[in-house]
């Protein structure tokens, strides 16, 4: 393959992020080299190596999105947007105290308060509140089942008097 291809590869790498088809065209060129059994040009090999390393440095569940982003196949803020962080402990405590049901959520302004505090949208806050309610409900059911299977009336032992 000629140096014309190498110039094309350099141009496509430079266009990633600005040209929606640049990443796909670059991967198509890489596929042609691989199918022909020819070594990849240095810039193309380097681009792929960096993209692969970025992807494998992410947690397992995020690697697919990270690879697509690193290769230029997806943009941040679309389907590859990272999950906004609201600490689970803060959320669980807040929901346990103020948001046991939807009426309490509205009464205490829980959704708006979380959205403002953690700089997320009200819809994100609503989704996290519901996730936390579901998780707390599951935890409650597991504790109840464990108590029943062990014939416990309470999780706290009565104190023995020291008389």
C-alpha atoms as a PDB file:
ATOM      1  CA  UNK A   1       0.000   0.000   0.000  1.00  0.00           C
ATOM      2  CA  UNK A   2       1.325   3.423  -0.887  1.00  0.00           C
ATOM      3  CA  UNK A   3       2.286   6.562   0.981  1.00  0.00           C
ATOM      4  CA  UNK A   4      -0.936   8.075  -0.374  1.00  0.00           C
ATOM      5  CA  UNK A   5      -2.729   5.781   2.065  1.00  0.00           C
ATOM      6  CA  UNK A   6      -0.488   6.974   4.898  1.00  0.00           C
ATOM      7  CA  UNK A   7      -1.441  10.588   4.120  1.00  0.00           C
ATOM      8  CA  UNK A   8      -5.094   9.544   4.068  1.00  0.00           C
ATOM      9  CA  UNK A   9      -4.642   7.836   7.463  1.00  0.00           C
ATOM     10  CA  UNK A  10      -3.045  10.971   8.952  1.00  0.00           C
ATOM     11  CA  UNK A  11      -5.861  13.111   7.589  1.00  0.00           C
ATOM     12  CA  UNK A  12      -8.551  10.774   8.980  1.00  0.00           C
ATOM     13  CA  UNK A  13      -6.920  10.662  12.424  1.00  0.00           C
ATOM     14  CA  UNK A  14      -6.864  14.462  12.476  1.00  0.00           C
ATOM     15  CA  UNK A  15     -10.542  14.618  11.487  1.00  0.00           C
ATOM     16  CA  UNK A  16     -11.835  12.321  14.248  1.00  0.00           C
ATOM     17  CA  UNK A  17     -14.289  14.285  16.350  1.00  0.00           C
ATOM     18  CA  UNK A  18     -15.028  16.751  13.549  1.00  0.00           C
ATOM     19  CA  UNK A  19     -15.988  14.369  10.734  1.00  0.00           C
ATOM     20  CA  UNK A  20     -18.641  11.811  11.638  1.00  0.00           C
ATOM     21  CA  UNK A  21     -17.311   9.262   9.124  1.00  0.00           C
ATOM     22  CA  UNK A  22     -13.573   9.659   9.809  1.00  0.00           C
ATOM     23  CA  UNK A  23     -13.395   6.930  12.466  1.00  0.00           C
ATOM     24  CA  UNK A  24     -15.378   4.446  10.371  1.00  0.00           C
ATOM     25  CA  UNK A  25     -13.233   5.178   7.298  1.00  0.00           C
ATOM     26  CA  UNK A  26     -10.073   4.718   9.376  1.00  0.00           C
ATOM     27  CA  UNK A  27     -11.280   1.360  10.677  1.00  0.00           C
ATOM     28  CA  UNK A  28     -12.171   0.311   7.122  1.00  0.00           C
ATOM     29  CA  UNK A  29      -8.580   1.066   6.075  1.00  0.00           C
ATOM     30  CA  UNK A  30      -7.269  -0.941   9.013  1.00  0.00           C
ATOM     31  CA  UNK A  31      -9.477  -3.854   7.952  1.00  0.00           C
ATOM     32  CA  UNK A  32      -8.052  -3.697   4.407  1.00  0.00           C
ATOM     33  CA  UNK A  33      -4.495  -3.922   5.750  1.00  0.00           C
ATOM     34  CA  UNK A  34      -5.408  -6.827   8.033  1.00  0.00           C
ATOM     35  CA  UNK A  35      -7.251  -8.730   5.290  1.00  0.00           C
ATOM     36  CA  UNK A  36      -4.294  -8.304   2.935  1.00  0.00           C
ATOM     37  CA  UNK A  37      -1.944  -9.593   5.628  1.00  0.00           C
ATOM     38  CA  UNK A  38       0.113  -6.389   5.431  1.00  0.00           C
ATOM     39  CA  UNK A  39       1.568  -4.584   8.441  1.00  0.00           C
ATOM     40  CA  UNK A  40      -0.333  -1.532   9.613  1.00  0.00           C
ATOM     41  CA  UNK A  41       1.325   1.829   8.971  1.00  0.00           C
ATOM     42  CA  UNK A  42       2.851   3.331  12.126  1.00  0.00           C
ATOM     43  CA  UNK A  43       0.245   6.059  12.670  1.00  0.00           C
ATOM     44  CA  UNK A  44      -2.654   3.653  12.248  1.00  0.00           C
ATOM     45  CA  UNK A  45      -1.071   1.036  14.509  1.00  0.00           C
ATOM     46  CA  UNK A  46      -0.332   3.712  17.114  1.00  0.00           C
ATOM     47  CA  UNK A  47      -3.873   5.076  16.976  1.00  0.00           C
ATOM     48  CA  UNK A  48      -5.363   1.600  17.458  1.00  0.00           C
ATOM     49  CA  UNK A  49      -2.917   0.738  20.265  1.00  0.00           C
ATOM     50  CA  UNK A  50      -3.733   3.925  22.196  1.00  0.00           C
ATOM     51  CA  UNK A  51      -7.467   3.319  21.713  1.00  0.00           C
ATOM     52  CA  UNK A  52      -7.196  -0.269  22.940  1.00  0.00           C
ATOM     53  CA  UNK A  53      -5.146   0.766  25.991  1.00  0.00           C
ATOM     54  CA  UNK A  54      -7.662   3.464  26.905  1.00  0.00           C
ATOM     55  CA  UNK A  55     -10.489   0.941  26.710  1.00  0.00           C
ATOM     56  CA  UNK A  56      -8.803  -1.741  28.806  1.00  0.00           C
ATOM     57  CA  UNK A  57      -7.970   0.767  31.532  1.00  0.00           C
ATOM     58  CA  UNK A  58     -11.705   1.199  32.224  1.00  0.00           C
ATOM     59  CA  UNK A  59     -13.840  -1.049  34.460  1.00  0.00           C
ATOM     60  CA  UNK A  60     -15.075  -4.136  32.618  1.00  0.00           C
ATOM     61  CA  UNK A  61     -18.664  -2.908  32.238  1.00  0.00           C
ATOM     62  CA  UNK A  62     -17.493   0.358  30.628  1.00  0.00           C
ATOM     63  CA  UNK A  63     -14.943  -1.036  28.152  1.00  0.00           C
ATOM     64  CA  UNK A  64     -17.251  -1.217  25.145  1.00  0.00           C
ATOM     65  CA  UNK A  65     -18.290   2.414  25.478  1.00  0.00           C
ATOM     66  CA  UNK A  66     -14.707   3.452  26.229  1.00  0.00           C
ATOM     67  CA  UNK A  67     -13.430   1.677  23.104  1.00  0.00           C
ATOM     68  CA  UNK A  68     -16.110   3.259  20.923  1.00  0.00           C
ATOM     69  CA  UNK A  69     -15.227   6.676  22.335  1.00  0.00           C
ATOM     70  CA  UNK A  70     -11.450   6.120  21.995  1.00  0.00           C
ATOM     71  CA  UNK A  71     -11.850   4.993  18.380  1.00  0.00           C
ATOM     72  CA  UNK A  72     -13.978   8.056  17.646  1.00  0.00           C
ATOM     73  CA  UNK A  73     -17.150   6.079  16.999  1.00  0.00           C
ATOM     74  CA  UNK A  74     -19.157   7.815  19.734  1.00  0.00           C
ATOM     75  CA  UNK A  75     -19.110  11.265  21.227  1.00  0.00           C
ATOM     76  CA  UNK A  76     -19.183  12.237  24.899  1.00  0.00           C
ATOM     77  CA  UNK A  77     -22.559  13.400  26.107  1.00  0.00           C
ATOM     78  CA  UNK A  78     -24.445  10.968  23.902  1.00  0.00           C
ATOM     79  CA  UNK A  79     -24.732   7.253  24.615  1.00  0.00           C
ATOM     80  CA  UNK A  80     -21.182   7.273  25.968  1.00  0.00           C
ATOM     81  CA  UNK A  81     -21.834   9.842  28.708  1.00  0.00           C
ATOM     82  CA  UNK A  82     -20.526   8.762  32.090  1.00  0.00           C
ATOM     83  CA  UNK A  83     -22.994   8.272  34.905  1.00  0.00           C
ATOM     84  CA  UNK A  84     -23.263  11.345  37.117  1.00  0.00           C
ATOM     85  CA  UNK A  85     -22.062  10.661  40.634  1.00  0.00           C
ATOM     86  CA  UNK A  86     -24.353  10.940  43.628  1.00  0.00           C
ATOM     87  CA  UNK A  87     -22.730   9.118  46.581  1.00  0.00           C
ATOM     88  CA  UNK A  88     -24.793   6.019  47.412  1.00  0.00           C
ATOM     89  CA  UNK A  89     -24.528   6.568  51.162  1.00  0.00           C
ATOM     90  CA  UNK A  90     -25.868  10.115  50.930  1.00  0.00           C
ATOM     91  CA  UNK A  91     -28.656   9.012  48.661  1.00  0.00           C
ATOM     92  CA  UNK A  92     -29.635   5.975  50.763  1.00  0.00           C
ATOM     93  CA  UNK A  93     -29.723   7.972  53.986  1.00  0.00           C
ATOM     94  CA  UNK A  94     -31.688  10.814  52.391  1.00  0.00           C
ATOM     95  CA  UNK A  95     -34.238   8.456  50.831  1.00  0.00           C
ATOM     96  CA  UNK A  96     -34.549   6.388  54.020  1.00  0.00           C
ATOM     97  CA  UNK A  97     -35.319   9.492  56.083  1.00  0.00           C
ATOM     98  CA  UNK A  98     -37.156  11.834  53.703  1.00  0.00           C
ATOM     99  CA  UNK A  99     -38.244   9.861  50.669  1.00  0.00           C
ATOM    100  CA  UNK A 100     -39.916   6.640  51.694  1.00  0.00           C
ATOM    101  CA  UNK A 101     -42.713   7.282  49.237  1.00  0.00           C
ATOM    102  CA  UNK A 102     -43.532   9.688  46.425  1.00  0.00           C
ATOM    103  CA  UNK A 103     -45.624  11.936  48.676  1.00  0.00           C
ATOM    104  CA  UNK A 104     -42.665  12.469  51.017  1.00  0.00           C
ATOM    105  CA  UNK A 105     -40.445  13.098  48.001  1.00  0.00           C
ATOM    106  CA  UNK A 106     -42.692  15.969  46.890  1.00  0.00           C
ATOM    107  CA  UNK A 107     -43.320  17.249  50.428  1.00  0.00           C
ATOM    108  CA  UNK A 108     -39.607  17.625  51.220  1.00  0.00           C
ATOM    109  CA  UNK A 109     -38.503  18.668  47.710  1.00  0.00           C
ATOM    110  CA  UNK A 110     -36.136  15.732  47.588  1.00  0.00           C
ATOM    111  CA  UNK A 111     -35.759  15.597  43.806  1.00  0.00           C
ATOM    112  CA  UNK A 112     -35.034  19.316  43.437  1.00  0.00           C
ATOM    113  CA  UNK A 113     -32.684  19.291  46.435  1.00  0.00           C
ATOM    114  CA  UNK A 114     -30.608  16.400  45.095  1.00  0.00           C
ATOM    115  CA  UNK A 115     -30.555  17.896  41.601  1.00  0.00           C
ATOM    116  CA  UNK A 116     -29.252  21.200  42.947  1.00  0.00           C
ATOM    117  CA  UNK A 117     -26.778  19.714  45.427  1.00  0.00           C
ATOM    118  CA  UNK A 118     -25.178  17.268  42.994  1.00  0.00           C
ATOM    119  CA  UNK A 119     -25.687  19.330  39.802  1.00  0.00           C
ATOM    120  CA  UNK A 120     -27.758  16.754  37.976  1.00  0.00           C
ATOM    121  CA  UNK A 121     -31.082  17.086  36.195  1.00  0.00           C
ATOM    122  CA  UNK A 122     -34.325  16.496  38.077  1.00  0.00           C
ATOM    123  CA  UNK A 123     -34.922  13.422  35.907  1.00  0.00           C
ATOM    124  CA  UNK A 124     -31.532  11.989  36.930  1.00  0.00           C
ATOM    125  CA  UNK A 125     -32.350  12.707  40.579  1.00  0.00           C
ATOM    126  CA  UNK A 126     -35.764  11.047  40.157  1.00  0.00           C
ATOM    127  CA  UNK A 127     -34.164   7.947  38.597  1.00  0.00           C
ATOM    128  CA  UNK A 128     -31.569   7.679  41.380  1.00  0.00           C
ATOM    129  CA  UNK A 129     -34.240   8.088  44.066  1.00  0.00           C
ATOM    130  CA  UNK A 130     -36.257   5.270  42.508  1.00  0.00           C
ATOM    131  CA  UNK A 131     -33.159   3.041  42.163  1.00  0.00           C
ATOM    132  CA  UNK A 132     -32.333   3.662  45.810  1.00  0.00           C
ATOM    133  CA  UNK A 133     -35.924   2.955  46.900  1.00  0.00           C
ATOM    134  CA  UNK A 134     -35.796  -0.329  44.986  1.00  0.00           C
ATOM    135  CA  UNK A 135     -32.427  -1.283  46.504  1.00  0.00           C
ATOM    136  CA  UNK A 136     -33.593  -0.426  50.026  1.00  0.00           C
ATOM    137  CA  UNK A 137     -36.767  -2.473  49.451  1.00  0.00           C
ATOM    138  CA  UNK A 138     -34.710  -5.455  48.274  1.00  0.00           C
ATOM    139  CA  UNK A 139     -32.422  -5.148  51.296  1.00  0.00           C
ATOM    140  CA  UNK A 140     -35.449  -4.996  53.613  1.00  0.00           C
ATOM    141  CA  UNK A 141     -36.910  -8.130  52.024  1.00  0.00           C
ATOM    142  CA  UNK A 142     -33.601 -10.009  52.374  1.00  0.00           C
ATOM    143  CA  UNK A 143     -33.349  -9.060  56.045  1.00  0.00           C
ATOM    144  CA  UNK A 144     -36.971 -10.095  56.632  1.00  0.00           C
ATOM    145  CA  UNK A 145     -36.379 -13.442  54.901  1.00  0.00           C
ATOM    146  CA  UNK A 146     -33.202 -14.050  56.925  1.00  0.00           C
ATOM    147  CA  UNK A 147     -35.037 -13.259  60.161  1.00  0.00           C
ATOM    148  CA  UNK A 148     -37.868 -15.638  59.285  1.00  0.00           C
ATOM    149  CA  UNK A 149     -35.545 -18.462  58.261  1.00  0.00           C
ATOM    150  CA  UNK A 150     -33.606 -18.073  61.523  1.00  0.00           C
ATOM    151  CA  UNK A 151     -36.779 -17.628  63.586  1.00  0.00           C
ATOM    152  CA  UNK A 152     -35.657 -14.241  64.871  1.00  0.00           C
ATOM    153  CA  UNK A 153     -38.083 -11.719  66.310  1.00  0.00           C
ATOM    154  CA  UNK A 154     -35.566  -8.891  66.205  1.00  0.00           C
ATOM    155  CA  UNK A 155     -32.030  -8.171  65.034  1.00  0.00           C
ATOM    156  CA  UNK A 156     -31.150  -6.787  68.459  1.00  0.00           C
ATOM    157  CA  UNK A 157     -30.621  -9.087  71.433  1.00  0.00           C
ATOM    158  CA  UNK A 158     -32.239  -8.092  74.659  1.00  0.00           C
ATOM    159  CA  UNK A 159     -29.731  -7.045  77.303  1.00  0.00           C
ATOM    160  CA  UNK A 160     -29.244  -9.242  80.297  1.00  0.00           C
ATOM    161  CA  UNK A 161     -29.530  -7.366  83.531  1.00  0.00           C
ATOM    162  CA  UNK A 162     -26.481  -7.384  85.821  1.00  0.00           C
ATOM    163  CA  UNK A 163     -28.202  -8.059  89.081  1.00  0.00           C
END
